[in-house]
Protein backbone atom coordinates (compact mmCIF):
# COMPACT_ATOMS: atom_id res chain seq x y z
CA MET A 1 28.80 8.98 -27.05
CA ALA A 2 28.88 7.83 -23.42
CA TRP A 3 29.06 10.14 -20.46
CA THR A 4 29.65 9.60 -16.76
CA LEU A 5 27.81 11.03 -13.76
CA ALA A 6 28.79 10.03 -10.19
CA GLY A 7 30.37 6.82 -11.38
CA TRP A 8 27.64 5.56 -13.72
CA GLN A 9 27.45 5.48 -17.46
CA ARG A 10 24.78 5.41 -20.07
CA GLY A 11 24.92 4.58 -23.76
CA ASP A 12 23.60 6.83 -26.52
CA SER A 13 20.23 5.22 -27.26
CA ARG A 14 16.78 6.66 -27.74
CA HIS A 15 14.57 7.46 -24.75
CA GLN A 16 11.44 5.35 -24.49
CA ALA A 17 8.84 4.72 -21.81
CA ALA A 18 9.39 1.55 -19.81
CA GLU A 19 6.00 -0.03 -19.43
CA HIS A 20 5.33 -2.87 -21.84
CA ALA A 21 1.95 -3.93 -23.16
CA PRO A 22 0.31 -6.81 -21.27
CA SER A 23 0.83 -10.31 -22.59
CA ARG A 24 -2.07 -12.43 -23.82
CA GLY A 25 -2.09 -14.73 -20.78
CA TRP A 26 -2.01 -18.50 -20.48
CA ALA A 27 -5.58 -19.65 -20.90
CA ALA A 28 -8.00 -19.13 -23.75
CA GLY A 29 -10.94 -19.05 -21.37
CA PRO A 30 -11.73 -18.31 -17.74
CA SER A 31 -10.27 -20.51 -15.03
CA SER A 32 -9.83 -20.46 -11.28
CA ALA A 33 -6.83 -18.88 -9.59
CA ALA A 34 -5.71 -22.33 -8.45
CA THR A 35 -5.88 -23.69 -12.00
CA GLN A 36 -3.88 -20.76 -13.34
CA ARG A 37 -1.24 -21.25 -10.64
CA ALA A 38 -0.95 -24.94 -11.52
CA ARG A 39 -0.52 -24.13 -15.20
CA ARG A 40 2.20 -21.58 -14.49
CA ARG A 41 4.01 -23.97 -12.17
CA ALA A 42 3.97 -26.67 -14.83
CA HIS A 43 5.21 -24.22 -17.45
CA ARG A 44 7.90 -22.96 -15.05
CA ASP A 45 9.06 -26.50 -14.22
CA VAL A 46 9.58 -27.24 -17.91
CA LEU A 47 11.49 -24.02 -18.55
CA SER A 48 13.61 -24.00 -15.38
CA VAL A 49 15.77 -27.02 -16.15
CA PRO A 50 19.35 -26.24 -14.99
CA ARG A 51 21.83 -25.91 -17.83
CA ALA A 52 25.48 -26.59 -18.02
CA ARG A 53 27.84 -24.03 -16.55
CA GLY A 54 28.72 -21.35 -19.10
CA SER A 55 25.94 -22.27 -21.53
CA GLY A 56 24.81 -18.66 -22.01
CA GLY A 57 21.34 -17.18 -21.81
CA GLY A 58 21.76 -14.19 -19.55
CA GLY A 59 24.22 -15.00 -16.77
CA GLY A 60 25.95 -12.28 -14.83
CA GLU A 61 28.09 -9.95 -16.90
CA ASP A 62 30.65 -9.24 -14.20
CA GLY A 63 31.56 -12.66 -12.92
CA GLY A 64 28.19 -12.93 -11.19
CA PRO A 65 26.31 -16.00 -10.00
CA GLU A 66 26.77 -19.16 -12.01
CA ASP A 67 23.38 -20.62 -11.22
CA GLY A 68 20.17 -20.59 -13.22
CA PRO A 69 20.17 -19.63 -16.90
CA GLY A 70 23.72 -19.48 -18.14
CA GLY A 71 25.11 -21.05 -14.97
CA GLY A 72 25.28 -24.15 -12.84
CA PRO A 73 23.11 -25.62 -10.07
CA GLN A 74 20.12 -23.64 -8.94
CA GLN A 75 19.25 -22.98 -5.30
CA ARG A 76 15.86 -23.11 -3.61
CA ALA A 77 16.81 -21.10 -0.54
CA ARG A 78 19.37 -18.48 0.25
CA GLN A 79 21.96 -19.42 2.85
CA PRO A 80 23.99 -17.00 5.02
CA ALA A 81 27.35 -16.10 3.51
CA ALA A 82 30.38 -17.94 4.87
CA ALA A 83 32.64 -16.03 7.25
CA GLY A 84 34.85 -13.58 5.36
CA LYS A 85 32.83 -13.82 2.14
CA ARG A 86 31.00 -10.77 0.79
CA ARG A 87 27.26 -11.17 1.25
CA GLN A 88 25.32 -11.11 -1.98
CA PHE A 89 21.89 -11.66 -3.44
CA ARG A 90 20.80 -12.48 -6.97
CA PHE A 91 18.61 -10.20 -9.05
CA TRP A 92 17.02 -10.72 -12.45
CA ILE A 93 16.00 -7.83 -14.71
CA ASP A 94 13.81 -8.64 -17.72
CA TYR A 95 15.60 -6.20 -20.00
CA GLN A 96 13.91 -7.60 -23.10
CA ALA A 97 10.46 -6.78 -21.69
CA PHE A 98 11.30 -3.06 -21.51
CA SER A 99 11.00 -0.75 -24.50
CA SER A 100 14.48 0.68 -24.05
CA ALA A 101 17.83 -0.91 -23.29
CA GLY A 102 18.59 1.79 -20.75
CA SER A 103 15.28 1.82 -18.88
CA ALA A 104 16.60 -0.24 -15.95
CA GLU A 105 20.29 0.75 -15.93
CA LEU A 106 19.92 2.77 -12.74
CA ILE A 107 18.00 -0.07 -11.13
CA GLU A 108 20.88 -2.45 -11.82
CA ARG A 109 23.42 0.06 -10.52
CA ALA A 110 21.51 0.53 -7.26
CA LEU A 111 21.09 -3.21 -6.71
CA VAL A 112 24.78 -3.90 -7.34
CA ALA A 113 25.69 -1.15 -4.87
CA VAL A 114 23.96 -3.03 -2.03
CA GLY A 115 25.35 -6.49 -2.81
CA GLY A 116 23.26 -7.62 -5.75
CA VAL A 117 24.67 -9.79 -8.53
CA ARG A 118 22.91 -10.06 -11.86
CA ALA A 119 21.60 -13.57 -12.54
CA GLY A 120 19.58 -12.66 -15.67
CA GLY A 121 17.92 -11.92 -17.96
CA PRO A 122 19.26 -11.68 -21.45
CA PRO A 123 20.28 -8.20 -22.66
CA LYS A 124 17.98 -6.08 -24.76
CA LEU A 125 20.52 -5.50 -27.54
CA ASP A 126 22.96 -7.80 -29.30
CA ALA A 127 26.47 -6.86 -28.20
CA SER A 128 27.96 -7.22 -31.69
CA THR A 129 25.22 -5.83 -33.94
CA GLY A 130 23.24 -3.55 -31.64
CA ALA A 131 20.04 -5.17 -32.89
CA LYS A 132 17.18 -5.92 -30.51
CA ARG A 133 17.14 -9.47 -29.18
CA ASP A 134 14.10 -11.59 -28.43
CA ASP A 135 15.22 -14.70 -26.58
CA GLY A 136 11.80 -15.29 -25.01
CA VAL A 137 13.45 -15.90 -21.62
CA TYR A 138 11.96 -14.15 -18.59
CA GLY A 139 12.41 -14.30 -14.86
CA TYR A 140 9.11 -16.03 -14.11
CA MET A 141 10.40 -18.99 -16.13
CA HIS A 142 13.41 -19.39 -13.82
CA MET A 143 12.06 -19.02 -10.31
CA ASP A 144 15.08 -20.73 -8.70
CA SER A 145 17.56 -18.35 -10.29
CA TRP A 146 16.90 -15.10 -8.45
CA ASP A 147 16.05 -13.50 -5.14
CA LEU A 148 14.56 -10.31 -6.63
CA LEU A 149 12.79 -9.92 -9.97
CA TRP A 150 12.47 -6.55 -11.69
CA SER A 151 10.19 -6.67 -14.71
CA VAL A 152 7.17 -5.12 -16.37
CA THR A 153 3.81 -5.92 -14.82
CA ALA A 154 2.70 -8.44 -17.43
CA LYS A 155 5.79 -10.63 -16.91
CA ALA A 156 6.29 -10.10 -13.18
CA ALA A 157 2.66 -11.00 -12.46
CA LEU A 158 3.32 -14.53 -13.72
CA ALA A 159 5.77 -15.02 -10.86
CA ALA A 160 3.60 -13.55 -8.11
CA ASP A 161 1.88 -16.73 -6.96
CA LEU A 162 5.04 -18.82 -7.29
CA LEU A 163 7.24 -16.75 -4.98
CA ARG A 164 9.33 -18.50 -2.32
CA PRO A 165 9.27 -16.92 1.16
CA HIS A 166 12.69 -15.32 0.68
CA GLN A 167 12.00 -13.78 -2.74
CA MET A 168 10.90 -10.26 -3.64
CA LEU A 169 8.94 -9.00 -6.62
CA ALA A 170 8.99 -5.41 -7.88
CA ILE A 171 5.25 -5.24 -8.58
CA VAL A 172 2.21 -5.31 -6.34
CA PRO A 173 -0.46 -7.57 -7.89
CA GLY A 174 -3.68 -5.65 -8.34
CA LEU A 175 -2.23 -2.17 -8.74
CA LEU A 176 -3.02 -2.31 -12.45
CA ALA A 177 -6.15 -0.73 -11.02
CA VAL A 178 -4.33 2.61 -11.32
CA SER A 179 -1.57 2.03 -13.86
CA ARG A 180 -3.72 1.92 -16.99
CA LYS A 181 -5.49 5.00 -18.27
CA THR A 182 -8.94 3.41 -18.15
CA THR A 183 -8.53 1.60 -14.83
CA LEU A 184 -7.22 4.72 -13.10
CA ILE A 185 -10.39 6.57 -14.05
CA ARG A 186 -12.66 3.65 -13.12
CA SER A 187 -11.00 3.17 -9.72
CA LEU A 188 -11.25 6.86 -8.83
CA ARG A 189 -14.84 7.17 -9.98
CA ASP A 190 -15.93 3.96 -8.22
CA MET A 191 -14.43 5.25 -4.96
CA PHE A 192 -15.12 8.99 -5.04
CA GLY A 193 -17.92 9.50 -7.56
CA ASP A 194 -17.96 13.00 -9.05
CA ALA A 195 -15.28 14.07 -6.54
CA ALA A 196 -12.85 12.13 -8.76
CA TRP A 197 -13.02 15.05 -11.18
CA GLY A 198 -11.07 17.13 -8.70
CA ILE A 199 -8.15 14.70 -9.02
CA VAL A 200 -8.24 13.85 -12.74
CA PRO A 201 -9.98 15.69 -15.58
CA ARG A 202 -13.56 14.51 -16.21
CA SER A 203 -13.36 11.32 -18.28
CA TYR A 204 -15.61 8.75 -19.94
CA LYS A 205 -14.84 5.20 -20.98
CA LEU A 206 -15.53 4.48 -24.64
CA PRO A 207 -17.82 3.22 -25.99
CA ASP A 208 -19.50 2.13 -22.72
CA GLU A 209 -20.16 5.63 -21.36
CA LEU A 210 -20.81 7.38 -24.65
CA ASP A 211 -24.43 8.22 -23.81
CA GLU A 212 -23.45 9.52 -20.36
CA TRP A 213 -20.75 11.67 -21.93
CA GLY A 214 -23.17 13.12 -24.46
CA GLN A 215 -25.74 13.85 -21.77
CA TRP A 216 -23.18 15.65 -19.59
CA VAL A 217 -22.07 17.85 -22.49
CA ALA A 218 -25.68 18.68 -23.29
CA ASP A 219 -26.52 19.50 -19.67
CA ASN A 220 -23.35 21.45 -18.82
CA PRO A 221 -22.39 23.71 -21.74
CA GLY A 222 -20.77 26.21 -19.40
CA ALA A 223 -18.51 23.57 -17.80
CA ASP A 224 -17.32 22.08 -21.09
CA THR A 225 -13.89 23.45 -22.01
CA GLY A 226 -14.68 22.87 -25.69
CA MET A 227 -11.97 20.27 -26.27
CA TRP A 228 -11.48 16.59 -25.38
CA MET A 229 -8.45 14.34 -25.52
CA LEU A 230 -9.21 10.89 -26.91
CA LYS A 231 -6.86 8.23 -25.57
CA ASN A 232 -5.98 4.58 -25.90
CA ASN A 233 -3.48 2.54 -23.90
CA LYS A 234 -0.42 3.31 -26.02
CA GLN A 235 2.61 4.77 -24.27
CA ARG A 236 5.26 7.43 -24.86
CA GLY A 237 2.80 10.24 -25.66
CA THR A 238 1.25 8.35 -28.57
CA GLY A 239 -2.30 7.08 -28.88
CA LEU A 240 -3.78 10.57 -28.44
CA ARG A 241 -6.12 12.76 -30.44
CA LEU A 242 -7.27 16.22 -29.42
CA VAL A 243 -10.68 17.19 -30.81
CA ARG A 244 -13.20 19.96 -30.35
CA THR A 245 -16.48 19.02 -28.70
CA SER A 246 -18.30 19.54 -32.01
CA GLU A 247 -16.17 16.80 -33.59
CA ALA A 248 -15.71 14.51 -30.60
CA PHE A 249 -18.79 12.34 -31.04
CA THR A 250 -17.75 11.48 -34.58
CA ALA A 251 -14.04 10.95 -33.90
CA CYS A 252 -14.71 8.57 -31.01
CA PHE A 253 -16.17 6.01 -33.43
CA GLU A 254 -12.91 5.60 -35.36
CA THR A 255 -11.87 1.96 -35.71
CA VAL A 256 -8.64 0.09 -36.42
CA SER A 257 -7.79 -3.37 -37.66
CA ARG A 258 -5.18 -5.69 -36.18
CA PRO A 259 -3.24 -8.58 -37.76
CA ASP A 260 -4.48 -11.10 -35.17
CA LEU A 261 -8.17 -10.35 -35.83
CA PRO A 262 -10.35 -12.20 -38.35
CA PRO A 263 -10.91 -10.46 -41.69
CA GLY A 264 -13.41 -7.65 -41.45
CA VAL A 265 -13.22 -7.39 -37.66
CA ARG A 266 -12.21 -3.98 -36.36
CA LEU A 267 -11.78 -2.43 -32.92
CA TYR A 268 -12.60 1.02 -31.62
CA ARG A 269 -9.46 3.15 -31.67
CA TRP A 270 -10.20 5.19 -28.53
CA TYR A 271 -10.76 3.86 -25.03
CA LEU A 272 -11.21 7.11 -23.12
CA ALA A 273 -12.48 10.65 -23.65
CA GLN A 274 -10.96 13.12 -21.19
CA GLN A 275 -11.84 16.77 -20.83
CA TYR A 276 -8.90 18.88 -21.96
CA ILE A 277 -7.39 21.51 -19.67
CA THR A 278 -7.35 24.45 -22.07
CA ARG A 279 -5.70 26.89 -19.67
CA PRO A 280 -2.46 25.25 -18.53
CA MET A 281 0.23 27.11 -16.65
CA LEU A 282 2.76 28.35 -19.20
CA ILE A 283 6.43 29.15 -18.75
CA ASP A 284 7.92 31.16 -21.62
CA GLY A 285 4.75 30.40 -23.54
CA ARG A 286 5.15 26.63 -23.28
CA LYS A 287 3.14 23.96 -21.54
CA PHE A 288 4.87 21.56 -19.16
CA GLY A 289 4.17 18.39 -17.21
CA VAL A 290 5.55 17.20 -13.86
CA ARG A 291 6.86 13.67 -13.33
CA VAL A 292 7.19 12.47 -9.73
CA TRP A 293 7.94 9.00 -8.32
CA VAL A 294 5.79 7.16 -5.81
CA LEU A 295 6.78 4.03 -3.91
CA VAL A 296 4.43 1.43 -2.44
CA SER A 297 6.83 -0.31 -0.07
CA ASP A 298 4.24 -2.79 1.22
CA VAL A 299 0.50 -3.41 1.21
CA ALA A 300 0.01 -5.32 4.48
CA PRO A 301 -0.15 -2.79 5.99
CA LEU A 302 -0.03 -0.22 3.20
CA ARG A 303 2.92 2.18 3.21
CA LEU A 304 3.15 4.89 0.58
CA TYR A 305 5.79 7.54 -0.23
CA MET A 306 6.51 10.22 -2.84
CA HIS A 307 10.06 11.29 -3.63
CA GLY A 308 11.16 14.90 -3.35
CA ARG A 309 12.96 14.83 -6.69
CA GLY A 310 11.08 15.09 -9.95
CA LEU A 311 11.22 16.38 -13.51
CA VAL A 312 9.50 19.30 -15.18
CA LEU A 313 9.18 18.35 -18.85
CA PHE A 314 8.48 21.10 -21.37
CA SER A 315 6.86 20.94 -24.74
CA SER A 316 9.30 21.87 -27.50
CA HIS A 317 6.70 24.16 -29.08
CA ARG A 318 4.76 27.17 -27.88
CA TYR A 319 1.22 26.53 -26.69
CA ASP A 320 -1.60 27.60 -29.00
CA ALA A 321 -5.07 26.63 -27.80
CA GLU A 322 -6.51 27.24 -31.26
CA LEU A 323 -4.13 24.83 -33.00
CA VAL A 324 -5.77 21.54 -32.11
CA GLY A 325 -4.19 18.96 -34.41
CA GLY A 326 -5.82 16.26 -36.49
CA THR A 327 -6.60 17.95 -39.79
CA ASP A 328 -4.65 21.02 -38.60
CA ASP A 329 -1.38 19.10 -38.72
CA GLY A 330 -1.70 17.54 -42.14
CA GLY A 331 -3.95 14.66 -41.17
CA SER A 332 -1.68 12.74 -38.80
CA GLY A 333 -4.46 12.73 -36.21
CA GLY A 334 -2.23 13.56 -33.22
CA PRO A 335 -2.44 16.71 -31.13
CA ALA A 336 -0.50 19.75 -32.30
CA PRO A 337 3.03 19.61 -30.81
CA GLY A 338 2.51 22.39 -28.28
CA HIS A 339 -0.12 20.31 -26.46
CA VAL A 340 2.13 17.33 -25.63
CA THR A 341 4.76 17.38 -22.86
CA ASN A 342 5.72 13.70 -22.83
CA TYR A 343 9.52 13.37 -22.98
CA ALA A 344 9.41 10.79 -25.76
CA GLN A 345 7.66 13.37 -27.97
CA ASN A 346 10.04 16.17 -26.96
CA GLU A 347 13.43 14.46 -26.89
CA ASN A 348 16.27 16.81 -26.04
CA GLY A 349 13.77 19.48 -24.98
CA ASP A 350 14.00 21.66 -21.91
CA VAL A 351 13.91 19.94 -18.52
CA TRP A 352 13.81 21.49 -15.06
CA SER A 353 14.08 20.07 -11.58
CA LEU A 354 11.38 20.69 -8.98
CA VAL A 355 13.79 23.11 -7.32
CA GLN A 356 13.76 25.26 -10.46
CA LEU A 357 9.97 25.10 -10.67
CA ALA A 358 9.69 26.12 -7.00
CA ALA A 359 12.02 29.07 -7.60
CA HIS A 360 9.90 30.15 -10.58
CA VAL A 361 6.45 29.99 -8.96
CA GLY A 362 7.51 30.94 -5.42
CA ALA A 363 7.60 29.07 -2.14
CA ALA A 364 3.95 29.54 -1.20
CA ALA A 365 2.59 28.45 -4.59
CA PHE A 366 4.92 25.48 -4.77
CA SER A 367 4.10 24.34 -1.23
CA LYS A 368 0.42 24.20 -2.20
CA LEU A 369 1.23 22.47 -5.49
CA TRP A 370 3.34 19.86 -3.68
CA ALA A 371 0.62 19.24 -1.08
CA ASP A 372 -2.01 18.86 -3.82
CA MET A 373 0.15 16.38 -5.76
CA CYS A 374 0.76 14.35 -2.60
CA ARG A 375 -2.95 14.23 -1.84
CA ALA A 376 -3.87 13.27 -5.41
CA ALA A 377 -1.32 10.45 -5.36
CA ALA A 378 -2.66 9.18 -2.04
CA MET A 379 -6.26 9.25 -3.27
CA ALA A 380 -5.34 7.35 -6.45
CA PHE A 381 -3.76 4.51 -4.51
CA ALA A 382 -6.59 4.49 -1.97
CA ALA A 383 -9.01 4.00 -4.86
CA ALA A 384 -6.98 1.00 -6.05
CA LEU A 385 -7.05 -0.82 -2.71
CA PRO A 386 -10.31 -2.79 -3.13
CA ARG A 387 -9.18 -4.31 -6.41
CA CYS A 388 -5.64 -4.81 -5.08
CA ALA A 389 -7.01 -6.72 -2.08
CA GLU A 390 -9.06 -8.99 -4.35
CA VAL A 391 -6.06 -9.84 -6.52
CA MET A 392 -3.72 -10.35 -3.57
CA GLU A 393 -6.26 -12.72 -2.01
CA GLY A 394 -6.24 -14.82 -5.17
CA VAL A 395 -2.47 -14.73 -5.69
CA ARG A 396 -1.40 -14.99 -2.02
CA PRO A 397 2.30 -14.10 -2.35
CA PRO A 398 4.46 -14.45 0.77
CA ALA A 399 3.99 -11.66 3.28
CA HIS A 400 5.97 -8.46 2.62
CA SER A 401 7.38 -9.80 -0.66
CA CYS A 402 5.93 -7.22 -3.08
CA PHE A 403 6.69 -3.54 -3.63
CA GLN A 404 6.37 -1.19 -6.60
CA PHE A 405 7.92 2.03 -7.88
CA PHE A 406 5.62 4.24 -9.99
CA GLY A 407 5.94 7.34 -12.13
CA LEU A 408 3.06 9.83 -11.86
CA ASP A 409 2.43 12.50 -14.46
CA PHE A 410 0.70 15.76 -13.57
CA LEU A 411 -0.42 18.74 -15.64
CA VAL A 412 -0.45 22.09 -13.83
CA ASP A 413 -3.16 24.54 -14.85
CA ALA A 414 -3.08 28.34 -14.86
CA ALA A 415 -4.37 28.41 -11.27
CA ALA A 416 -1.40 26.24 -10.17
CA ARG A 417 -3.68 23.23 -9.63
CA PRO A 418 -2.19 19.82 -10.51
CA TRP A 419 -4.23 17.30 -12.50
CA LEU A 420 -3.20 13.65 -12.41
CA LEU A 421 -3.02 12.34 -15.98
CA GLU A 422 -1.30 8.99 -15.72
CA VAL A 423 0.29 6.45 -13.37
CA ASN A 424 3.15 4.50 -14.97
CA ALA A 425 3.73 1.03 -13.51
CA THR A 426 7.37 0.77 -14.61
CA PRO A 427 8.67 4.27 -15.28
CA SER A 428 11.74 4.58 -17.44
CA MET A 429 14.77 5.58 -15.39
CA LYS A 430 16.91 6.06 -18.47
CA VAL A 431 19.08 9.18 -18.60
CA GLU A 432 19.61 10.76 -21.98
CA HIS A 433 19.88 14.25 -23.47
CA GLU A 434 22.07 15.80 -26.16
CA ASN A 435 23.00 18.59 -23.74
CA PRO A 436 25.38 17.16 -21.08
CA ASN A 437 24.21 19.67 -18.50
CA VAL A 438 20.57 18.69 -18.93
CA ALA A 439 21.52 15.01 -18.90
CA ALA A 440 23.33 15.60 -15.61
CA LEU A 441 20.23 17.32 -14.20
CA ILE A 442 18.01 14.38 -15.23
CA GLY A 443 20.44 11.93 -13.65
CA ALA A 444 20.60 14.01 -10.47
CA GLN A 445 16.82 13.55 -10.09
CA LYS A 446 16.44 9.93 -11.13
CA TRP A 447 19.42 8.36 -9.38
CA PRO A 448 18.57 9.50 -5.81
CA ALA A 449 14.99 8.30 -6.29
CA VAL A 450 16.19 4.82 -7.32
CA ARG A 451 18.90 4.67 -4.66
CA ASP A 452 16.48 5.75 -1.94
CA MET A 453 13.88 3.26 -3.13
CA VAL A 454 16.34 0.37 -2.67
CA ALA A 455 17.32 1.62 0.79
CA LEU A 456 13.78 2.28 1.99
CA VAL A 457 12.47 -1.15 0.91
CA GLY A 458 15.44 -2.71 2.70
CA ILE A 459 16.88 -4.58 -0.25
CA ALA A 460 20.10 -6.14 1.04
CA PRO A 461 21.67 -9.63 1.20
CA GLN A 462 20.43 -10.38 4.71
CA ARG A 463 16.82 -9.93 3.60
CA PHE A 464 17.16 -12.86 1.22
CA GLU A 465 19.08 -15.21 3.47
CA GLU A 466 17.26 -18.04 5.18
CA GLY A 467 14.71 -16.51 7.54
CA GLY A 468 15.33 -13.06 6.09
CA ALA A 469 11.79 -12.38 4.90
CA GLY A 470 9.09 -13.92 7.02
CA GLY A 471 10.89 -16.71 8.85
CA ARG A 472 12.39 -16.86 12.32
CA GLY A 473 14.68 -13.95 13.01
CA ALA A 474 13.04 -11.66 10.46
CA PRO A 475 11.57 -8.40 11.78
CA ASP A 476 7.79 -8.08 11.91
CA ARG A 477 7.27 -5.73 8.98
CA SER A 478 3.64 -5.04 9.89
CA THR A 479 4.37 -3.03 13.05
CA PRO A 480 4.89 0.67 13.79
CA ALA A 481 8.39 -0.21 15.04
CA TYR A 482 9.33 -1.44 11.57
CA ALA A 483 7.57 1.50 9.91
CA LEU A 484 9.79 3.80 11.99
CA GLU A 485 12.91 1.93 10.81
CA GLU A 486 11.68 2.32 7.23
CA LEU A 487 10.98 6.00 7.77
CA ARG A 488 14.52 6.58 9.02
CA ARG A 489 16.05 5.17 5.83
CA ARG A 490 13.66 6.94 3.46
CA GLY A 491 16.24 9.35 2.01
CA GLY A 492 14.31 11.86 -0.11
CA PHE A 493 10.94 10.10 0.15
CA VAL A 494 8.07 11.84 1.93
CA PRO A 495 5.41 9.62 3.56
CA LEU A 496 1.80 9.88 2.35
CA LEU A 497 0.03 7.45 4.68
CA HIS A 498 -1.62 10.20 6.72
CA LEU A 499 -3.41 11.46 3.60
CA LEU A 500 -5.37 8.23 3.09
CA PRO A 501 -8.87 7.82 4.58
CA HIS A 502 -8.45 6.60 8.16
CA PRO A 503 -9.58 3.00 8.78
CA ALA A 504 -11.87 4.23 11.57
CA VAL A 505 -14.00 6.11 9.02
CA SER A 506 -13.68 3.98 5.90
CA THR A 507 -13.76 0.25 6.72
CA THR A 508 -17.54 -0.36 6.76
CA PRO A 509 -20.04 0.75 4.09
CA GLU A 510 -21.78 3.04 6.58
CA ALA A 511 -18.57 4.68 7.76
CA ALA A 512 -17.28 5.02 4.19
CA ALA A 513 -20.50 6.72 3.09
CA GLY A 514 -20.13 9.19 5.95
CA ALA A 515 -16.61 9.98 4.75
CA GLY A 516 -17.80 10.63 1.19
CA LEU A 517 -16.61 7.28 -0.20
CA LEU A 518 -18.77 5.10 -2.43
CA ARG A 519 -17.25 1.88 -1.16
CA PRO A 520 -15.36 0.78 1.96
CA LEU A 521 -11.62 0.27 2.03
CA PRO A 522 -10.19 -3.16 2.93
CA TRP A 523 -8.16 -2.04 5.92
CA GLY A 524 -6.93 -4.59 8.45
CA ARG A 525 -6.02 -4.26 12.09
CA ALA A 526 -2.35 -3.59 11.23
CA ASP A 527 -3.41 -0.68 9.00
CA ARG A 528 -5.39 0.88 11.83
CA VAL A 529 -2.55 0.48 14.33
CA LEU A 530 -0.11 2.03 11.87
CA ARG A 531 -2.38 4.99 11.14
CA ASP A 532 -2.82 5.70 14.84
CA TRP A 533 0.97 5.61 15.20
CA CYS A 534 1.30 8.14 12.37
CA LYS A 535 -0.98 10.55 14.22
CA GLY A 536 1.06 10.30 17.42
CA SER A 537 4.60 10.14 16.01
CA ARG A 538 6.41 13.47 15.92
CA GLU A 539 9.06 11.94 13.66
CA TYR A 540 6.44 10.86 11.16
CA GLN A 541 4.69 14.23 11.27
CA ALA A 542 7.95 16.07 10.66
CA ALA A 543 8.74 13.86 7.67
CA ALA A 544 5.24 14.28 6.23
CA ALA A 545 5.49 18.07 6.47
CA GLU A 546 8.63 18.32 4.34
CA VAL A 547 8.60 20.08 0.99
CA PRO A 548 12.02 18.91 -0.30
CA ALA A 549 12.24 21.25 -3.29
CA LEU A 550 12.17 24.26 -1.00
CA GLY A 551 15.44 23.20 0.60
CA SER A 552 18.77 24.50 -0.66
CA GLU A 553 19.82 23.54 -4.18
CA ALA A 554 23.09 22.15 -2.80
CA ALA A 555 21.28 19.83 -0.40
CA LEU A 556 18.83 18.58 -2.99
CA VAL A 557 21.39 17.65 -5.67
CA ALA A 558 23.89 16.05 -3.31
CA THR A 559 24.31 12.32 -3.92
């Protein structure tokens, strides 16, 4: 049954997380970045042959552009609209790469609202049967058919080094350094050492750090909470097993087979062991998690924001620290239900806004919680910068062409301290709940975040027209003047740049060591100029000091 909120609709389909598993890649063995680019260009040239007008394959559903797949001649550069004609740009959403048909519905709505016209890709579901489709057609295969590509990381990355100067890509190459469970931990630990365990729960990569894990448990019996969460890279609250310390060093050796492996070859099931927070904050006896959205609007120089909206997602069961799971739940191996707050595992459960959480815990406690979440987010992305710089150097996309919208998941403990658990590279923005009031609440958090993301990044037809992104007549997007323009169209986003280590104390190994960092950060001159501007700008300081959820409920839910 469909419902409508502020002019948008959603179908009645199951909620799923958006991020898709990485593809296998193009080459069987190692190769240079230049070789990989040449292979992708050759593959793209074969797949991007223009087809006859009206031949199908994912053209616009509302009388949109008739170029590229399903349309007529393709264009290599965007031209200014003729006088009197509505200015437009073409976007491509790889719906079939997402787990759910509704994951990107709000993205499409926001792009259409600012002049976007859908050029592809094929829909997730068959219109007549409702069955999932797998056309094998993705945006990176049709580089001439779009101005903006929205896709999962594995598919979008294949387009990164083929971008034209006018195009935009909704991922930042290299930020996989935080958007996988294992790489998030590695990036934080490589940058901050043991201080990382103030941002995320203490964690060990398996099986590489098994001995180190065992030694820590042996040396620190008083610091061990007695339980560990074993994780792999599955999504939607799956791929988890909660075990007591006494069982952990047996459970971590579990193996699984896979159809693509030779007979007899098995893989370790668990990639990560993470200390479990046994004393979470409870509301009505139930554990909850907080989902917030973070935007990287550019990386040269880096600009980082967190949105004031968010979701408080409750477990559907009461929390019982003694009920672990595994053999306790009939042998399924997963944690007992009261331990998991992921929405996909608690569909149609209770959901709050951040305003409701702030009202429950009080203004002072929420202000501290908000500040701690902002700082944790900033530190996570700071830790990713060295790897991001390496990847960007190899890919070399056009300047200011990449941005990314993330979903961050926090657990709040009994002392009101947030712990970062996961960074989702393509968070699902689907809106679904059996209770229309709760569905409306979810939509009232997600839609402003998506709408404000489009506005802040400056996605509009003129950006894609000739000279609109890096050519003559385009603004210099590396300056404080442009950062101020961006700040003024931020909507509900709060800037986080001031929370990152300052370039003056983190660019050289010696300076970084003095600031408590294990490695320097790859700041450039533009980063330093921008950070100095942040310190001296009253407008920036006022924006950074905001705690949006402490405003009036009417102001926060207005659209």
